[in-house]
Amino acid sequence: MVGEQHYTEVFQSLPMPCLILLPNAPHFTIVNVSDAYLAITNTRRESMVGKGFLKCSPPIHTKATTSGRIFSMR
């Protein structure tokens, strides 16, 4: 039988950046983070798991274009 630890290891080793969030709006608490996500954001798992997604994410700056659309400028 495959245990929870196995699923955790598989998730954390996914080659794409992924997060598992609780559906507890507006906090969206982070339950797990893939190694790929940690690599591209230069963060540590311990600094993210258990915290709200919006608290751990960098601020999103937006800029309106002449066409009226808004694009994210990270």
C-alpha atoms as a PDB file:
ATOM      1  CA  MET A   1       0.000   0.000   0.000  1.00  0.00           C
ATOM      2  CA  VAL A   2       1.245   3.465  -0.879  1.00  0.00           C
ATOM      3  CA  GLY A   3       1.306   5.929   2.018  1.00  0.00           C
ATOM      4  CA  GLU A   4       0.952   9.662   2.335  1.00  0.00           C
ATOM      5  CA  GLN A   5       4.740  10.110   2.446  1.00  0.00           C
ATOM      6  CA  HIS A   6       5.009   8.557  -1.018  1.00  0.00           C
ATOM      7  CA  TYR A   7       2.436  10.979  -2.456  1.00  0.00           C
ATOM      8  CA  THR A   8       4.219  13.883  -0.778  1.00  0.00           C
ATOM      9  CA  GLU A   9       7.550  12.882  -2.341  1.00  0.00           C
ATOM     10  CA  VAL A  10       5.964  12.463  -5.774  1.00  0.00           C
ATOM     11  CA  PHE A  11       4.252  15.870  -5.572  1.00  0.00           C
ATOM     12  CA  GLN A  12       7.361  17.669  -4.358  1.00  0.00           C
ATOM     13  CA  SER A  13       9.453  16.216  -7.187  1.00  0.00           C
ATOM     14  CA  LEU A  14       7.082  17.246 -10.006  1.00  0.00           C
ATOM     15  CA  PRO A  15       9.035  19.050 -12.742  1.00  0.00           C
ATOM     16  CA  MET A  16       6.503  21.899 -12.935  1.00  0.00           C
ATOM     17  CA  PRO A  17       5.974  24.577 -10.259  1.00  0.00           C
ATOM     18  CA  CYS A  18       2.904  23.604  -8.218  1.00  0.00           C
ATOM     19  CA  LEU A  19       1.157  24.513  -4.986  1.00  0.00           C
ATOM     20  CA  ILE A  20      -1.579  22.783  -3.030  1.00  0.00           C
ATOM     21  CA  LEU A  21      -3.895  25.325  -1.414  1.00  0.00           C
ATOM     22  CA  LEU A  22      -6.773  24.914   1.004  1.00  0.00           C
ATOM     23  CA  PRO A  23     -10.056  26.360  -0.321  1.00  0.00           C
ATOM     24  CA  ASN A  24     -10.313  28.648   2.722  1.00  0.00           C
ATOM     25  CA  ALA A  25     -10.850  32.007   1.009  1.00  0.00           C
ATOM     26  CA  PRO A  26      -9.564  34.642   1.403  1.00  0.00           C
ATOM     27  CA  HIS A  27      -6.467  33.029   2.955  1.00  0.00           C
ATOM     28  CA  PHE A  28      -5.862  30.044   0.642  1.00  0.00           C
ATOM     29  CA  THR A  29      -3.446  28.367   3.054  1.00  0.00           C
ATOM     30  CA  ILE A  30      -0.498  26.618   1.392  1.00  0.00           C
ATOM     31  CA  VAL A  31      -0.415  22.888   2.204  1.00  0.00           C
ATOM     32  CA  ASN A  32       2.496  21.796   0.007  1.00  0.00           C
ATOM     33  CA  VAL A  33       4.914  23.235  -2.544  1.00  0.00           C
ATOM     34  CA  SER A  34       6.830  21.486  -5.312  1.00  0.00           C
ATOM     35  CA  ASP A  35      10.608  21.748  -5.477  1.00  0.00           C
ATOM     36  CA  ALA A  36      10.259  23.405  -8.907  1.00  0.00           C
ATOM     37  CA  TYR A  37       8.119  26.192  -7.395  1.00  0.00           C
ATOM     38  CA  LEU A  38      10.691  26.746  -4.657  1.00  0.00           C
ATOM     39  CA  ALA A  39      13.486  26.910  -7.239  1.00  0.00           C
ATOM     40  CA  ILE A  40      11.836  29.543  -9.438  1.00  0.00           C
ATOM     41  CA  THR A  41      10.718  31.680  -6.494  1.00  0.00           C
ATOM     42  CA  ASN A  42      13.958  31.235  -4.531  1.00  0.00           C
ATOM     43  CA  THR A  43      12.050  30.401  -1.333  1.00  0.00           C
ATOM     44  CA  ARG A  44      12.105  27.661   1.284  1.00  0.00           C
ATOM     45  CA  ARG A  45       9.242  25.242   1.915  1.00  0.00           C
ATOM     46  CA  GLU A  46       9.258  26.083   5.633  1.00  0.00           C
ATOM     47  CA  SER A  47       8.630  29.756   4.880  1.00  0.00           C
ATOM     48  CA  MET A  48       5.516  28.976   2.803  1.00  0.00           C
ATOM     49  CA  VAL A  49       3.667  25.921   4.139  1.00  0.00           C
ATOM     50  CA  GLY A  50       0.940  26.884   6.597  1.00  0.00           C
ATOM     51  CA  LYS A  51       0.783  30.514   5.433  1.00  0.00           C
ATOM     52  CA  GLY A  52      -1.748  32.217   3.202  1.00  0.00           C
ATOM     53  CA  PHE A  53      -0.891  32.279  -0.499  1.00  0.00           C
ATOM     54  CA  LEU A  54      -1.341  36.034  -0.803  1.00  0.00           C
ATOM     55  CA  LYS A  55       0.956  36.615   2.185  1.00  0.00           C
ATOM     56  CA  CYS A  56       3.738  34.590   0.542  1.00  0.00           C
ATOM     57  CA  SER A  57       3.337  35.950  -2.980  1.00  0.00           C
ATOM     58  CA  PRO A  58       5.139  39.036  -4.212  1.00  0.00           C
ATOM     59  CA  PRO A  59       2.866  42.008  -4.867  1.00  0.00           C
ATOM     60  CA  ILE A  60       1.293  42.112  -8.303  1.00  0.00           C
ATOM     61  CA  HIS A  61       1.744  45.398 -10.074  1.00  0.00           C
ATOM     62  CA  THR A  62      -0.638  46.157 -12.895  1.00  0.00           C
ATOM     63  CA  LYS A  63      -0.443  48.591 -15.739  1.00  0.00           C
ATOM     64  CA  ALA A  64      -3.338  49.632 -17.936  1.00  0.00           C
ATOM     65  CA  THR A  65      -2.561  49.656 -21.642  1.00  0.00           C
ATOM     66  CA  THR A  66      -3.962  52.016 -24.216  1.00  0.00           C
ATOM     67  CA  SER A  67      -6.485  49.345 -25.190  1.00  0.00           C
ATOM     68  CA  GLY A  68      -7.815  49.319 -21.628  1.00  0.00           C
ATOM     69  CA  ARG A  69      -6.551  45.835 -20.777  1.00  0.00           C
ATOM     70  CA  ILE A  70      -4.637  45.239 -17.587  1.00  0.00           C
ATOM     71  CA  PHE A  71      -1.539  43.069 -17.620  1.00  0.00           C
ATOM     72  CA  SER A  72       0.396  41.713 -14.667  1.00  0.00           C
ATOM     73  CA  MET A  73       3.866  43.182 -14.370  1.00  0.00           C
ATOM     74  CA  ARG A  74       5.859  40.904 -12.058  1.00  0.00           C
END
